[in-house]
Amino acid sequence: IASCLVGSEMCIRDSFFYSLSGLDKDIFIISGNHDCPERIAYGARLLENTKFHIAPVFNGEMKRTELFDEFGKVNVYMLPFVKPVGVRKYIGTADNYTQAVKAVIDKADINQEERNILVAHQFVTGALRCDSEELTVGTLDNVDATVFDKFDYVALGHIHKLDYNSEQNQNIVYPGSTISMGFDELGKHGFIVGNIEKDKLEIAFIPADNREFKEFEFDITNINRQLIADTTTIGMPKVEVEKERLLRINPTLRVTTYQMFYDASHADEILNTNFDYVIDAIDCVTSKINLVEECFKRKIPIICSMGTGNKSVSYTHLRAH
């Protein structure tokens, strides 16, 4: 687990880790750039004799855990998020992030005759950054991928989008966050699974579930202010939506629709029909006044929906002369 844990609710985090404990698998956890290292490392020593391996607060070196399988030994190194200033405290000069991470790795004296896995939380050159990730000035926080050459596989946290290309036999991978953290992180989210043998690495991306985040643009302003509008009517003409609603209320109605912007030029076309009532729900004041005047001339009863927006009183008088 190489991602930031601070964003998770404590009860969810506790439930998640408790579920992991039932798998009887070795679990490796490091702190990210949003985490407080001291809080994440709390209890690390207490759990040393269990299968939960938590990276301590950075003290100048990476914690290494030895695992064994039918192919021999596997070394798992944990490197929590580090900055150059934190590395300089323990290891000489480190003017940028690449130098800082390289200095820590070089100090580890890694045996490349054995299989080596690194769990880290840094921004590696070439990865796609997202808006929800913390930025530093320019690209100064970039770490060049070549500093990880000693590892057979590098499990990275920090970038929220999946960065893995199976065709390139990629061994430095960002599985991304398990859910989208912003609109620029749309697409599949999940995790990486695989096997690492002596000279062979097989990994694959597994979606977290069947859902995929996508972005759609549409106008939903009418949903907020019109009774007939909801998510099923988006893109439909209002007159057709109103007709459908009226017919659902009374299927015997005869409803004629005119999809137009009403003004004085349409009065004869519409109002020469023998209507029993006219209901006015027009927003445009000029058109509203004209409709009222035309109905009055034709002696057609009209019911008006009047607005009080930006008015100092909550009523409107309309007097016909």
C-alpha atoms as a PDB file:
ATOM      1  CA  ILE A   1       0.000   0.000   0.000  1.00  0.00           C
ATOM      2  CA  ALA A   2       1.866   3.042  -1.300  1.00  0.00           C
ATOM      3  CA  SER A   3      -0.928   5.609  -1.365  1.00  0.00           C
ATOM      4  CA  CYS A   4      -1.788   8.397   1.038  1.00  0.00           C
ATOM      5  CA  LEU A   5      -3.913   7.096   3.892  1.00  0.00           C
ATOM      6  CA  VAL A   6      -4.867  10.436   5.434  1.00  0.00           C
ATOM      7  CA  GLY A   7      -7.928  10.811   3.174  1.00  0.00           C
ATOM      8  CA  SER A   8      -9.563   7.654   4.565  1.00  0.00           C
ATOM      9  CA  GLU A   9     -11.973   7.828   7.476  1.00  0.00           C
ATOM     10  CA  MET A  10     -10.504   6.081  10.513  1.00  0.00           C
ATOM     11  CA  CYS A  11     -13.373   3.576  10.788  1.00  0.00           C
ATOM     12  CA  ILE A  12     -13.078   2.655   7.080  1.00  0.00           C
ATOM     13  CA  ARG A  13      -9.306   2.320   7.361  1.00  0.00           C
ATOM     14  CA  ASP A  14      -9.616   0.137  10.440  1.00  0.00           C
ATOM     15  CA  SER A  15     -12.182  -2.103   8.746  1.00  0.00           C
ATOM     16  CA  PHE A  16     -10.011  -2.381   5.628  1.00  0.00           C
ATOM     17  CA  PHE A  17      -6.876  -3.362   7.531  1.00  0.00           C
ATOM     18  CA  TYR A  18      -8.823  -5.817   9.661  1.00  0.00           C
ATOM     19  CA  SER A  19     -10.087  -7.479   6.472  1.00  0.00           C
ATOM     20  CA  LEU A  20      -6.529  -7.673   5.142  1.00  0.00           C
ATOM     21  CA  SER A  21      -5.371  -9.412   8.325  1.00  0.00           C
ATOM     22  CA  GLY A  22      -7.636 -12.325   7.501  1.00  0.00           C
ATOM     23  CA  LEU A  23      -5.808 -12.999   4.226  1.00  0.00           C
ATOM     24  CA  ASP A  24      -2.705 -14.323   6.008  1.00  0.00           C
ATOM     25  CA  LYS A  25      -0.523 -12.348   3.548  1.00  0.00           C
ATOM     26  CA  ASP A  26       2.377  -9.973   4.133  1.00  0.00           C
ATOM     27  CA  ILE A  27       1.096  -6.379   3.992  1.00  0.00           C
ATOM     28  CA  PHE A  28       3.520  -3.490   3.356  1.00  0.00           C
ATOM     29  CA  ILE A  29       2.434   0.073   4.174  1.00  0.00           C
ATOM     30  CA  ILE A  30       4.284   3.368   3.692  1.00  0.00           C
ATOM     31  CA  SER A  31       3.310   6.991   4.316  1.00  0.00           C
ATOM     32  CA  GLY A  32       2.612   9.389   1.446  1.00  0.00           C
ATOM     33  CA  ASN A  33       3.059  13.103   0.932  1.00  0.00           C
ATOM     34  CA  HIS A  34      -0.304  13.925   2.577  1.00  0.00           C
ATOM     35  CA  ASP A  35       0.313  11.685   5.579  1.00  0.00           C
ATOM     36  CA  CYS A  36       1.880  12.436   8.931  1.00  0.00           C
ATOM     37  CA  PRO A  37       4.741   9.860   8.991  1.00  0.00           C
ATOM     38  CA  GLU A  38       4.663   9.622  12.778  1.00  0.00           C
ATOM     39  CA  ARG A  39       0.963   8.741  12.787  1.00  0.00           C
ATOM     40  CA  ILE A  40       1.299   6.116  10.043  1.00  0.00           C
ATOM     41  CA  ALA A  41       4.333   4.565  11.755  1.00  0.00           C
ATOM     42  CA  TYR A  42       2.610   4.435  15.142  1.00  0.00           C
ATOM     43  CA  GLY A  43       2.545   0.797  16.258  1.00  0.00           C
ATOM     44  CA  ALA A  44       5.036  -0.328  13.567  1.00  0.00           C
ATOM     45  CA  ARG A  45       7.393  -1.917  16.087  1.00  0.00           C
ATOM     46  CA  LEU A  46       4.472  -3.542  17.893  1.00  0.00           C
ATOM     47  CA  LEU A  47       3.477  -5.213  14.617  1.00  0.00           C
ATOM     48  CA  GLU A  48       6.993  -6.299  13.627  1.00  0.00           C
ATOM     49  CA  ASN A  49       6.307  -9.927  14.464  1.00  0.00           C
ATOM     50  CA  THR A  50       3.060 -10.004  12.478  1.00  0.00           C
ATOM     51  CA  LYS A  51       2.558  -9.874   8.711  1.00  0.00           C
ATOM     52  CA  PHE A  52       1.884  -6.129   8.828  1.00  0.00           C
ATOM     53  CA  HIS A  53       5.034  -4.253   7.812  1.00  0.00           C
ATOM     54  CA  ILE A  54       4.820  -0.476   8.289  1.00  0.00           C
ATOM     55  CA  ALA A  55       7.633   1.815   7.196  1.00  0.00           C
ATOM     56  CA  PRO A  56       9.080   3.773  10.132  1.00  0.00           C
ATOM     57  CA  VAL A  57       9.578   7.529  10.019  1.00  0.00           C
ATOM     58  CA  PHE A  58      12.435   8.075   7.563  1.00  0.00           C
ATOM     59  CA  ASN A  59      15.751   7.817   9.419  1.00  0.00           C
ATOM     60  CA  GLY A  60      18.205   7.820   6.539  1.00  0.00           C
ATOM     61  CA  GLU A  61      17.631   4.327   5.195  1.00  0.00           C
ATOM     62  CA  MET A  62      14.940   2.065   3.752  1.00  0.00           C
ATOM     63  CA  LYS A  63      13.445  -0.726   5.837  1.00  0.00           C
ATOM     64  CA  ARG A  64      14.050  -4.131   4.232  1.00  0.00           C
ATOM     65  CA  THR A  65      11.973  -7.258   4.792  1.00  0.00           C
ATOM     66  CA  GLU A  66      13.065 -10.699   3.578  1.00  0.00           C
ATOM     67  CA  LEU A  67      10.482 -13.088   2.175  1.00  0.00           C
ATOM     68  CA  PHE A  68      11.055 -16.608   0.837  1.00  0.00           C
ATOM     69  CA  ASP A  69       9.288 -18.741  -1.758  1.00  0.00           C
ATOM     70  CA  GLU A  70      10.150 -21.644  -4.067  1.00  0.00           C
ATOM     71  CA  PHE A  71      12.550 -19.405  -6.040  1.00  0.00           C
ATOM     72  CA  GLY A  72      14.474 -18.220  -3.006  1.00  0.00           C
ATOM     73  CA  LYS A  73      14.663 -14.857  -1.276  1.00  0.00           C
ATOM     74  CA  VAL A  74      12.743 -11.674  -2.137  1.00  0.00           C
ATOM     75  CA  ASN A  75      13.784  -8.368  -0.573  1.00  0.00           C
ATOM     76  CA  VAL A  76      10.968  -5.849  -0.102  1.00  0.00           C
ATOM     77  CA  TYR A  77      12.184  -2.306   0.544  1.00  0.00           C
ATOM     78  CA  MET A  78       9.900   0.433   1.861  1.00  0.00           C
ATOM     79  CA  LEU A  79      10.617   4.091   1.121  1.00  0.00           C
ATOM     80  CA  PRO A  80       8.051   6.550   2.491  1.00  0.00           C
ATOM     81  CA  PHE A  81       7.689   9.935   0.833  1.00  0.00           C
ATOM     82  CA  VAL A  82      10.919  11.906   1.247  1.00  0.00           C
ATOM     83  CA  LYS A  83      12.074  15.409   0.389  1.00  0.00           C
ATOM     84  CA  PRO A  84      15.686  16.512  -0.251  1.00  0.00           C
ATOM     85  CA  VAL A  85      15.789  18.455   2.993  1.00  0.00           C
ATOM     86  CA  GLY A  86      14.840  15.326   4.951  1.00  0.00           C
ATOM     87  CA  VAL A  87      17.470  13.227   3.191  1.00  0.00           C
ATOM     88  CA  ARG A  88      20.272  15.789   3.691  1.00  0.00           C
ATOM     89  CA  LYS A  89      19.821  15.414   7.419  1.00  0.00           C
ATOM     90  CA  TYR A  90      21.183  11.854   7.161  1.00  0.00           C
ATOM     91  CA  ILE A  91      22.976  11.503   3.812  1.00  0.00           C
ATOM     92  CA  GLY A  92      25.181  14.395   2.703  1.00  0.00           C
ATOM     93  CA  THR A  93      24.199  16.521  -0.281  1.00  0.00           C
ATOM     94  CA  ALA A  94      20.869  16.157  -2.075  1.00  0.00           C
ATOM     95  CA  ASP A  95      19.879  19.233  -4.077  1.00  0.00           C
ATOM     96  CA  ASN A  96      16.816  17.753  -5.761  1.00  0.00           C
ATOM     97  CA  TYR A  97      14.407  14.820  -5.500  1.00  0.00           C
ATOM     98  CA  THR A  98      16.323  12.580  -7.910  1.00  0.00           C
ATOM     99  CA  GLN A  99      19.544  13.013  -5.952  1.00  0.00           C
ATOM    100  CA  ALA A 100      17.723  12.457  -2.684  1.00  0.00           C
ATOM    101  CA  VAL A 101      16.062   9.192  -3.712  1.00  0.00           C
ATOM    102  CA  LYS A 102      19.236   7.951  -5.427  1.00  0.00           C
ATOM    103  CA  ALA A 103      21.298   8.619  -2.301  1.00  0.00           C
ATOM    104  CA  VAL A 104      18.877   6.568  -0.180  1.00  0.00           C
ATOM    105  CA  ILE A 105      18.876   3.666  -2.670  1.00  0.00           C
ATOM    106  CA  ASP A 106      22.655   3.676  -3.068  1.00  0.00           C
ATOM    107  CA  LYS A 107      23.105   3.502   0.682  1.00  0.00           C
ATOM    108  CA  ALA A 108      21.014   0.305   0.811  1.00  0.00           C
ATOM    109  CA  ASP A 109      23.731  -1.769  -0.950  1.00  0.00           C
ATOM    110  CA  ILE A 110      21.159  -3.797  -2.909  1.00  0.00           C
ATOM    111  CA  ASN A 111      22.157  -7.294  -4.018  1.00  0.00           C
ATOM    112  CA  GLN A 112      20.986  -7.515  -7.635  1.00  0.00           C
ATOM    113  CA  GLU A 113      21.550 -11.281  -7.705  1.00  0.00           C
ATOM    114  CA  GLU A 114      18.397 -11.503  -5.590  1.00  0.00           C
ATOM    115  CA  ARG A 115      14.862 -10.342  -6.373  1.00  0.00           C
ATOM    116  CA  ASN A 116      14.183  -6.824  -5.100  1.00  0.00           C
ATOM    117  CA  ILE A 117      10.874  -4.978  -4.793  1.00  0.00           C
ATOM    118  CA  LEU A 118      10.478  -1.331  -3.804  1.00  0.00           C
ATOM    119  CA  VAL A 119       7.350   0.271  -2.374  1.00  0.00           C
ATOM    120  CA  ALA A 120       7.696   4.067  -2.734  1.00  0.00           C
ATOM    121  CA  HIS A 121       5.675   7.264  -2.876  1.00  0.00           C
ATOM    122  CA  GLN A 122       7.277   9.798  -5.245  1.00  0.00           C
ATOM    123  CA  PHE A 123       6.566  11.592  -8.534  1.00  0.00           C
ATOM    124  CA  VAL A 124       8.539   9.729 -11.183  1.00  0.00           C
ATOM    125  CA  THR A 125       9.390  11.509 -14.459  1.00  0.00           C
ATOM    126  CA  GLY A 126       6.856  10.730 -17.168  1.00  0.00           C
ATOM    127  CA  ALA A 127       3.872  10.056 -14.938  1.00  0.00           C
ATOM    128  CA  LEU A 128       0.680  12.038 -15.551  1.00  0.00           C
ATOM    129  CA  ARG A 129      -0.085  14.379 -12.682  1.00  0.00           C
ATOM    130  CA  CYS A 130      -3.657  15.163 -11.620  1.00  0.00           C
ATOM    131  CA  ASP A 131      -5.228  18.297 -10.155  1.00  0.00           C
ATOM    132  CA  SER A 132      -5.962  16.673  -6.790  1.00  0.00           C
ATOM    133  CA  GLU A 133      -2.277  15.967  -6.140  1.00  0.00           C
ATOM    134  CA  GLU A 134      -0.044  18.329  -4.206  1.00  0.00           C
ATOM    135  CA  LEU A 135       2.207  20.429  -6.448  1.00  0.00           C
ATOM    136  CA  THR A 136       5.649  21.870  -5.876  1.00  0.00           C
ATOM    137  CA  VAL A 137       7.206  24.653  -7.909  1.00  0.00           C
ATOM    138  CA  GLY A 138       7.745  23.640 -11.542  1.00  0.00           C
ATOM    139  CA  THR A 139       8.965  20.042 -11.870  1.00  0.00           C
ATOM    140  CA  LEU A 140      11.450  20.104  -8.999  1.00  0.00           C
ATOM    141  CA  ASP A 141       9.802  17.121  -7.317  1.00  0.00           C
ATOM    142  CA  ASN A 142      10.429  14.827 -10.307  1.00  0.00           C
ATOM    143  CA  VAL A 143      12.447  11.671  -9.689  1.00  0.00           C
ATOM    144  CA  ASP A 144      14.192  10.189 -12.726  1.00  0.00           C
ATOM    145  CA  ALA A 145      13.140   6.580 -13.329  1.00  0.00           C
ATOM    146  CA  THR A 146      16.765   5.466 -13.779  1.00  0.00           C
ATOM    147  CA  VAL A 147      17.374   5.644 -10.028  1.00  0.00           C
ATOM    148  CA  PHE A 148      15.204   2.514  -9.670  1.00  0.00           C
ATOM    149  CA  ASP A 149      17.286   0.326 -12.012  1.00  0.00           C
ATOM    150  CA  LYS A 150      18.378  -1.965  -9.187  1.00  0.00           C
ATOM    151  CA  PHE A 151      14.817  -3.152  -8.544  1.00  0.00           C
ATOM    152  CA  ASP A 152      12.900  -5.878 -10.335  1.00  0.00           C
ATOM    153  CA  TYR A 153       9.587  -4.157  -9.541  1.00  0.00           C
ATOM    154  CA  VAL A 154       8.683  -0.715  -8.159  1.00  0.00           C
ATOM    155  CA  ALA A 155       5.207  -0.241  -6.669  1.00  0.00           C
ATOM    156  CA  LEU A 156       4.511   3.494  -6.663  1.00  0.00           C
ATOM    157  CA  GLY A 157       1.967   5.664  -4.928  1.00  0.00           C
ATOM    158  CA  HIS A 158       1.281   9.412  -5.340  1.00  0.00           C
ATOM    159  CA  ILE A 159      -0.226   9.636  -8.857  1.00  0.00           C
ATOM    160  CA  HIS A 160      -3.967   8.965  -8.821  1.00  0.00           C
ATOM    161  CA  LYS A 161      -4.324   7.721 -12.413  1.00  0.00           C
ATOM    162  CA  LEU A 162      -3.250   4.316 -13.656  1.00  0.00           C
ATOM    163  CA  ASP A 163       0.189   4.447 -15.329  1.00  0.00           C
ATOM    164  CA  TYR A 164       0.927   0.995 -16.659  1.00  0.00           C
ATOM    165  CA  ASN A 165       1.572  -0.299 -20.184  1.00  0.00           C
ATOM    166  CA  SER A 166       1.692  -4.089 -20.411  1.00  0.00           C
ATOM    167  CA  GLU A 167       3.167  -3.995 -23.936  1.00  0.00           C
ATOM    168  CA  GLN A 168       6.251  -2.164 -22.665  1.00  0.00           C
ATOM    169  CA  ASN A 169       6.942  -4.798 -19.999  1.00  0.00           C
ATOM    170  CA  GLN A 170       6.772  -1.956 -17.501  1.00  0.00           C
ATOM    171  CA  ASN A 171       8.177  -2.686 -14.048  1.00  0.00           C
ATOM    172  CA  ILE A 172       7.703   0.790 -12.514  1.00  0.00           C
ATOM    173  CA  VAL A 173       3.966   1.142 -12.020  1.00  0.00           C
ATOM    174  CA  TYR A 174       1.428   3.563 -10.624  1.00  0.00           C
ATOM    175  CA  PRO A 175      -1.777   1.555 -10.069  1.00  0.00           C
ATOM    176  CA  GLY A 176      -3.515   4.842  -9.198  1.00  0.00           C
ATOM    177  CA  SER A 177      -6.143   5.481  -6.547  1.00  0.00           C
ATOM    178  CA  THR A 178      -8.995   3.026  -6.126  1.00  0.00           C
ATOM    179  CA  ILE A 179     -11.529   5.757  -6.981  1.00  0.00           C
ATOM    180  CA  SER A 180     -11.480   8.967  -8.999  1.00  0.00           C
ATOM    181  CA  MET A 181     -10.443  11.979  -6.921  1.00  0.00           C
ATOM    182  CA  GLY A 182     -11.297  14.563  -9.596  1.00  0.00           C
ATOM    183  CA  PHE A 183     -12.641  15.090 -13.130  1.00  0.00           C
ATOM    184  CA  ASP A 184      -9.138  14.774 -14.604  1.00  0.00           C
ATOM    185  CA  GLU A 185      -8.839  11.279 -13.120  1.00  0.00           C
ATOM    186  CA  LEU A 186     -11.696   9.663 -15.019  1.00  0.00           C
ATOM    187  CA  GLY A 187     -11.274   6.132 -16.307  1.00  0.00           C
ATOM    188  CA  LYS A 188     -10.559   2.753 -14.795  1.00  0.00           C
ATOM    189  CA  HIS A 189      -9.328   2.447 -11.205  1.00  0.00           C
ATOM    190  CA  GLY A 190      -8.079  -0.658  -9.426  1.00  0.00           C
ATOM    191  CA  PHE A 191      -4.849  -2.383  -8.423  1.00  0.00           C
ATOM    192  CA  ILE A 192      -1.907  -4.424  -9.713  1.00  0.00           C
ATOM    193  CA  VAL A 193      -1.421  -8.160  -9.180  1.00  0.00           C
ATOM    194  CA  GLY A 194       1.375 -10.385 -10.428  1.00  0.00           C
ATOM    195  CA  ASN A 195       4.183 -12.907  -9.998  1.00  0.00           C
ATOM    196  CA  ILE A 196       7.896 -12.254  -9.721  1.00  0.00           C
ATOM    197  CA  GLU A 197      10.285 -15.113 -10.418  1.00  0.00           C
ATOM    198  CA  LYS A 198      14.089 -15.087 -10.808  1.00  0.00           C
ATOM    199  CA  ASP A 199      14.178 -13.601 -14.293  1.00  0.00           C
ATOM    200  CA  LYS A 200      10.508 -13.123 -14.998  1.00  0.00           C
ATOM    201  CA  LEU A 201       7.919 -10.525 -14.023  1.00  0.00           C
ATOM    202  CA  GLU A 202       4.235 -10.972 -14.822  1.00  0.00           C
ATOM    203  CA  ILE A 203       1.849  -8.266 -13.672  1.00  0.00           C
ATOM    204  CA  ALA A 204      -1.647  -7.137 -14.664  1.00  0.00           C
ATOM    205  CA  PHE A 205      -4.097  -4.368 -13.811  1.00  0.00           C
ATOM    206  CA  ILE A 206      -7.304  -5.496 -12.108  1.00  0.00           C
ATOM    207  CA  PRO A 207     -10.274  -3.041 -12.007  1.00  0.00           C
ATOM    208  CA  ALA A 208     -11.626  -2.463  -8.505  1.00  0.00           C
ATOM    209  CA  ASP A 209     -15.195  -3.094  -9.714  1.00  0.00           C
ATOM    210  CA  ASN A 210     -17.343  -2.896 -12.839  1.00  0.00           C
ATOM    211  CA  ARG A 211     -17.861   0.855 -12.614  1.00  0.00           C
ATOM    212  CA  GLU A 212     -15.852   3.328 -14.655  1.00  0.00           C
ATOM    213  CA  PHE A 213     -15.901   7.075 -14.062  1.00  0.00           C
ATOM    214  CA  LYS A 214     -16.823   9.135 -17.114  1.00  0.00           C
ATOM    215  CA  GLU A 215     -17.612  12.806 -17.647  1.00  0.00           C
ATOM    216  CA  PHE A 216     -20.732  14.057 -19.421  1.00  0.00           C
ATOM    217  CA  GLU A 217     -21.647  17.677 -20.079  1.00  0.00           C
ATOM    218  CA  PHE A 218     -25.294  18.716 -20.136  1.00  0.00           C
ATOM    219  CA  ASP A 219     -27.488  21.593 -19.044  1.00  0.00           C
ATOM    220  CA  ILE A 220     -29.373  20.778 -15.843  1.00  0.00           C
ATOM    221  CA  THR A 221     -30.563  24.297 -14.989  1.00  0.00           C
ATOM    222  CA  ASN A 222     -34.243  23.457 -15.635  1.00  0.00           C
ATOM    223  CA  ILE A 223     -34.111  20.540 -13.200  1.00  0.00           C
ATOM    224  CA  ASN A 224     -33.752  23.069 -10.398  1.00  0.00           C
ATOM    225  CA  ARG A 225     -36.704  25.244 -11.366  1.00  0.00           C
ATOM    226  CA  GLN A 226     -39.300  23.317 -13.359  1.00  0.00           C
ATOM    227  CA  LEU A 227     -41.537  20.611 -11.948  1.00  0.00           C
ATOM    228  CA  ILE A 228     -41.696  18.713 -15.231  1.00  0.00           C
ATOM    229  CA  ALA A 229     -37.901  18.522 -15.595  1.00  0.00           C
ATOM    230  CA  ASP A 230     -35.761  15.697 -14.248  1.00  0.00           C
ATOM    231  CA  THR A 231     -32.755  13.673 -15.395  1.00  0.00           C
ATOM    232  CA  THR A 232     -34.910  11.605 -17.794  1.00  0.00           C
ATOM    233  CA  THR A 233     -36.056  14.687 -19.744  1.00  0.00           C
ATOM    234  CA  ILE A 234     -32.634  16.200 -20.478  1.00  0.00           C
ATOM    235  CA  GLY A 235     -32.425  17.161 -24.154  1.00  0.00           C
ATOM    236  CA  MET A 236     -36.197  16.962 -24.735  1.00  0.00           C
ATOM    237  CA  PRO A 237     -38.264  20.010 -25.846  1.00  0.00           C
ATOM    238  CA  LYS A 238     -40.173  21.419 -22.886  1.00  0.00           C
ATOM    239  CA  VAL A 239     -43.475  21.395 -24.766  1.00  0.00           C
ATOM    240  CA  GLU A 240     -43.191  17.659 -25.428  1.00  0.00           C
ATOM    241  CA  VAL A 241     -42.287  16.970 -21.800  1.00  0.00           C
ATOM    242  CA  GLU A 242     -45.302  18.985 -20.625  1.00  0.00           C
ATOM    243  CA  LYS A 243     -47.563  17.195 -23.102  1.00  0.00           C
ATOM    244  CA  GLU A 244     -46.469  13.789 -21.820  1.00  0.00           C
ATOM    245  CA  ARG A 245     -47.100  14.846 -18.238  1.00  0.00           C
ATOM    246  CA  LEU A 246     -50.570  16.189 -18.994  1.00  0.00           C
ATOM    247  CA  LEU A 247     -51.553  13.020 -20.848  1.00  0.00           C
ATOM    248  CA  ARG A 248     -50.360  10.906 -17.931  1.00  0.00           C
ATOM    249  CA  ILE A 249     -52.709  12.908 -15.719  1.00  0.00           C
ATOM    250  CA  ASN A 250     -55.622  12.811 -18.191  1.00  0.00           C
ATOM    251  CA  PRO A 251     -55.199  10.543 -21.225  1.00  0.00           C
ATOM    252  CA  THR A 252     -58.383  11.963 -22.842  1.00  0.00           C
ATOM    253  CA  LEU A 253     -56.865  15.428 -23.311  1.00  0.00           C
ATOM    254  CA  ARG A 254     -56.169  16.776 -26.783  1.00  0.00           C
ATOM    255  CA  VAL A 255     -52.852  18.590 -26.525  1.00  0.00           C
ATOM    256  CA  THR A 256     -51.408  20.673 -29.383  1.00  0.00           C
ATOM    257  CA  THR A 257     -47.809  21.844 -28.991  1.00  0.00           C
ATOM    258  CA  TYR A 258     -45.965  24.784 -30.567  1.00  0.00           C
ATOM    259  CA  GLN A 259     -42.194  24.703 -30.129  1.00  0.00           C
ATOM    260  CA  MET A 260     -41.433  28.416 -30.478  1.00  0.00           C
ATOM    261  CA  PHE A 261     -40.512  31.586 -28.627  1.00  0.00           C
ATOM    262  CA  TYR A 262     -43.853  33.391 -28.252  1.00  0.00           C
ATOM    263  CA  ASP A 263     -44.096  37.059 -29.263  1.00  0.00           C
ATOM    264  CA  ALA A 264     -46.692  39.347 -30.894  1.00  0.00           C
ATOM    265  CA  SER A 265     -46.122  37.781 -34.335  1.00  0.00           C
ATOM    266  CA  HIS A 266     -47.485  34.428 -33.094  1.00  0.00           C
ATOM    267  CA  ALA A 267     -50.672  35.719 -31.460  1.00  0.00           C
ATOM    268  CA  ASP A 268     -53.048  35.073 -34.351  1.00  0.00           C
ATOM    269  CA  GLU A 269     -51.545  31.670 -35.158  1.00  0.00           C
ATOM    270  CA  ILE A 270     -52.081  30.388 -31.635  1.00  0.00           C
ATOM    271  CA  LEU A 271     -54.983  32.292 -30.097  1.00  0.00           C
ATOM    272  CA  ASN A 272     -57.516  32.036 -32.972  1.00  0.00           C
ATOM    273  CA  THR A 273     -58.240  28.538 -31.659  1.00  0.00           C
ATOM    274  CA  ASN A 274     -61.213  28.420 -29.273  1.00  0.00           C
ATOM    275  CA  PHE A 275     -59.382  27.859 -25.992  1.00  0.00           C
ATOM    276  CA  ASP A 276     -61.270  27.609 -22.722  1.00  0.00           C
ATOM    277  CA  TYR A 277     -58.254  28.902 -20.734  1.00  0.00           C
ATOM    278  CA  VAL A 278     -54.726  30.097 -21.384  1.00  0.00           C
ATOM    279  CA  ILE A 279     -52.048  29.487 -18.802  1.00  0.00           C
ATOM    280  CA  ASP A 280     -49.145  31.953 -18.952  1.00  0.00           C
ATOM    281  CA  ALA A 281     -45.791  30.781 -17.588  1.00  0.00           C
ATOM    282  CA  ILE A 282     -43.591  33.028 -19.748  1.00  0.00           C
ATOM    283  CA  ASP A 283     -40.359  34.483 -18.362  1.00  0.00           C
ATOM    284  CA  CYS A 284     -39.976  37.274 -20.935  1.00  0.00           C
ATOM    285  CA  VAL A 285     -41.936  40.291 -19.658  1.00  0.00           C
ATOM    286  CA  THR A 286     -42.647  41.697 -23.146  1.00  0.00           C
ATOM    287  CA  SER A 287     -44.096  38.418 -24.379  1.00  0.00           C
ATOM    288  CA  LYS A 288     -46.047  37.950 -21.149  1.00  0.00           C
ATOM    289  CA  ILE A 289     -47.699  41.369 -21.465  1.00  0.00           C
ATOM    290  CA  ASN A 290     -48.577  40.780 -25.118  1.00  0.00           C
ATOM    291  CA  LEU A 291     -50.182  37.409 -24.351  1.00  0.00           C
ATOM    292  CA  VAL A 292     -52.301  38.955 -21.603  1.00  0.00           C
ATOM    293  CA  GLU A 293     -53.402  41.799 -23.881  1.00  0.00           C
ATOM    294  CA  GLU A 294     -54.292  39.427 -26.731  1.00  0.00           C
ATOM    295  CA  CYS A 295     -56.294  37.153 -24.434  1.00  0.00           C
ATOM    296  CA  PHE A 296     -58.129  40.158 -23.016  1.00  0.00           C
ATOM    297  CA  LYS A 297     -59.054  41.345 -26.528  1.00  0.00           C
ATOM    298  CA  ARG A 298     -60.324  37.860 -27.423  1.00  0.00           C
ATOM    299  CA  LYS A 299     -62.122  37.448 -24.063  1.00  0.00           C
ATOM    300  CA  ILE A 300     -60.133  34.286 -23.282  1.00  0.00           C
ATOM    301  CA  PRO A 301     -59.643  33.650 -19.557  1.00  0.00           C
ATOM    302  CA  ILE A 302     -55.933  33.633 -18.685  1.00  0.00           C
ATOM    303  CA  ILE A 303     -54.128  32.420 -15.590  1.00  0.00           C
ATOM    304  CA  CYS A 304     -50.698  34.007 -15.066  1.00  0.00           C
ATOM    305  CA  SER A 305     -47.724  32.696 -13.186  1.00  0.00           C
ATOM    306  CA  MET A 306     -46.098  35.878 -11.927  1.00  0.00           C
ATOM    307  CA  GLY A 307     -42.514  36.235 -10.722  1.00  0.00           C
ATOM    308  CA  THR A 308     -41.273  38.208  -7.725  1.00  0.00           C
ATOM    309  CA  GLY A 309     -37.530  37.962  -8.324  1.00  0.00           C
ATOM    310  CA  ASN A 310     -35.608  41.146  -7.374  1.00  0.00           C
ATOM    311  CA  LYS A 311     -38.877  42.748  -6.226  1.00  0.00           C
ATOM    312  CA  SER A 312     -39.346  44.575  -2.935  1.00  0.00           C
ATOM    313  CA  VAL A 313     -42.867  43.142  -2.516  1.00  0.00           C
ATOM    314  CA  SER A 314     -44.101  39.573  -2.776  1.00  0.00           C
ATOM    315  CA  TYR A 315     -47.191  40.295  -4.909  1.00  0.00           C
ATOM    316  CA  THR A 316     -47.999  41.654  -8.359  1.00  0.00           C
ATOM    317  CA  HIS A 317     -51.101  43.526  -9.494  1.00  0.00           C
ATOM    318  CA  LEU A 318     -52.200  43.329 -13.091  1.00  0.00           C
ATOM    319  CA  ARG A 319     -55.039  45.660 -14.054  1.00  0.00           C
ATOM    320  CA  ALA A 320     -56.690  45.493 -17.464  1.00  0.00           C
ATOM    321  CA  HIS A 321     -57.856  48.751 -19.052  1.00  0.00           C
END
